[in-house]
Every structure is written in C-alpha cells, then in structure tokens.
Amino acid sequence: MDKFERVTNGFNFVYEKELAANETVIVDMPSVSPNKRGVNDIGWQTDGDITLYGTLSKDPESDTALWQEIKESDEINKTVSAIKIVNSGAACKVAIRVIMC
C-alpha cells in the first residue's frame, strides 16, 4: 500500500505518481493524531482516465473492504482510511493533496 508524503512541517500531505496503463493503487490516508483531528480537505487531479474510490475499512487491502466511487466535484468523505486509484486507460499522472485539521 502506498503512502502520502508530508510536504511541510504542518498537516499538508501529497501523493503524486505516474500510473502504468490499467494500474490500480491503494493509498493509505495519513494517520489521525491528537494534533491532526481529521481530514479537512482532499483535492485531486489527473491527466488520464482514472476513477477514485474511498473506503472506511480498517484493512483496505482485504477482499471484504467496501469501496465507494468518488466522482469529479464530489465532496470526499473525510473519514476515509484509504483511497483506491484505478487507471482505466493509458499511462497517466495523478496528484492528491490532503490537508489535515
């Protein structure tokens, strides 16, 4: 499972990757701590044909994890434990930013 990278000393996390054609990746959300009570905002962009899904499952890599599609311009459920990125086309780039509160 991939991880977000902290880009400042604050609560700003980014995941950037070039996905291979038809690749699927699961990205673990940053851990919530007393200083980071939860996710304040999530933004994403891509130059390809991807679909994002969010899960609340404690084990996102299990076969029993439930996933819900995150559509463009949707408000993302800020309690998700992981995001699944499904690339349905040619190689492309994706960037996701998470701001913790």
Protein backbone atom coordinates (compact mmCIF):
# COMPACT_ATOMS: atom_id res chain seq x y z
CA MET A 1 0.00 0.00 0.00
CA ASP A 2 1.35 3.43 -0.96
CA LYS A 3 1.57 6.35 1.49
CA PHE A 4 1.08 10.12 1.34
CA GLU A 5 4.20 12.25 1.78
CA ARG A 6 4.29 15.19 4.20
CA VAL A 7 5.41 18.24 2.21
CA THR A 8 5.69 20.78 5.05
CA ASN A 9 6.03 20.73 8.83
CA GLY A 10 2.28 21.26 9.01
CA PHE A 11 -0.58 18.98 8.10
CA ASN A 12 -0.14 19.09 4.32
CA PHE A 13 0.27 15.68 2.60
CA VAL A 14 0.67 14.88 -1.12
CA TYR A 15 0.63 11.73 -3.22
CA GLU A 16 1.95 12.00 -6.80
CA LYS A 17 2.56 9.11 -9.16
CA GLU A 18 2.73 8.20 -12.81
CA LEU A 19 0.41 5.23 -13.19
CA ALA A 20 1.03 2.49 -15.73
CA ALA A 21 -1.76 1.58 -18.12
CA ASN A 22 -4.57 -0.23 -16.26
CA GLU A 23 -2.75 0.03 -12.91
CA THR A 24 -4.62 0.04 -9.58
CA VAL A 25 -3.06 1.57 -6.45
CA ILE A 26 -4.30 1.83 -2.86
CA VAL A 27 -3.05 4.86 -0.90
CA ASP A 28 -3.22 4.81 2.90
CA MET A 29 -4.53 8.06 4.40
CA PRO A 30 -2.28 9.93 6.87
CA SER A 31 -2.74 8.84 10.48
CA VAL A 32 -5.00 10.90 12.68
CA SER A 33 -3.38 12.05 15.93
CA PRO A 34 -4.23 14.49 18.75
CA ASN A 35 -2.68 17.30 16.67
CA LYS A 36 -4.44 16.16 13.47
CA ARG A 37 -8.04 15.52 14.44
CA GLY A 38 -9.09 14.55 10.92
CA VAL A 39 -9.07 15.38 7.26
CA ASN A 40 -10.07 18.97 6.49
CA ASP A 41 -9.89 18.85 2.70
CA ILE A 42 -8.92 16.48 -0.13
CA GLY A 43 -8.20 17.59 -3.70
CA TRP A 44 -7.08 15.60 -6.73
CA GLN A 45 -6.25 15.97 -10.41
CA THR A 46 -5.13 13.74 -13.27
CA ASP A 47 -4.30 13.90 -16.94
CA GLY A 48 -5.78 10.48 -17.67
CA ASP A 49 -8.81 8.21 -17.32
CA ILE A 50 -8.86 7.26 -13.63
CA THR A 51 -11.56 6.51 -11.10
CA LEU A 52 -11.11 7.13 -7.36
CA TYR A 53 -12.74 5.11 -4.60
CA GLY A 54 -12.76 5.63 -0.84
CA THR A 55 -13.10 3.08 1.97
CA LEU A 56 -13.75 3.23 5.69
CA SER A 57 -12.35 -0.29 6.16
CA LYS A 58 -9.61 -0.86 8.74
CA ASP A 59 -7.95 -3.23 6.23
CA PRO A 60 -8.25 -1.63 2.75
CA GLU A 61 -6.29 -4.44 1.08
CA SER A 62 -8.70 -7.15 2.24
CA ASP A 63 -11.24 -8.78 -0.07
CA THR A 64 -14.03 -7.66 2.28
CA ALA A 65 -13.22 -3.91 2.12
CA LEU A 66 -16.13 -1.85 0.77
CA TRP A 67 -15.32 0.90 -1.76
CA GLN A 68 -17.43 3.87 -2.86
CA GLU A 69 -16.68 5.82 -6.03
CA ILE A 70 -15.51 9.42 -5.64
CA LYS A 71 -16.79 11.33 -8.66
CA GLU A 72 -15.40 14.58 -10.04
CA SER A 73 -16.56 17.58 -7.99
CA ASP A 74 -17.87 15.27 -5.22
CA GLU A 75 -17.23 16.08 -1.61
CA ILE A 76 -14.96 13.29 -0.38
CA ASN A 77 -15.95 11.53 2.84
CA LYS A 78 -13.34 12.94 5.21
CA THR A 79 -13.24 9.80 7.35
CA VAL A 80 -11.84 7.52 4.62
CA SER A 81 -9.00 5.23 5.67
CA ALA A 82 -7.65 4.76 2.14
CA ILE A 83 -8.16 5.82 -1.46
CA LYS A 84 -8.07 3.39 -4.37
CA ILE A 85 -6.94 4.76 -7.74
CA VAL A 86 -8.00 2.73 -10.79
CA ASN A 87 -6.43 3.70 -14.11
CA SER A 88 -8.69 2.51 -16.94
CA GLY A 89 -6.57 3.77 -19.81
CA ALA A 90 -3.07 4.62 -20.91
CA ALA A 91 -0.27 5.68 -18.57
CA CYS A 92 -1.11 8.92 -16.78
CA LYS A 93 -0.24 11.10 -13.79
CA VAL A 94 -2.27 11.63 -10.64
CA ALA A 95 -1.85 14.05 -7.75
CA ILE A 96 -3.83 14.00 -4.50
CA ARG A 97 -3.44 16.53 -1.67
CA VAL A 98 -4.77 16.06 1.86
CA ILE A 99 -4.96 18.90 4.40
CA MET A 100 -5.42 17.72 7.99
CA CYS A 101 -7.11 19.94 10.59
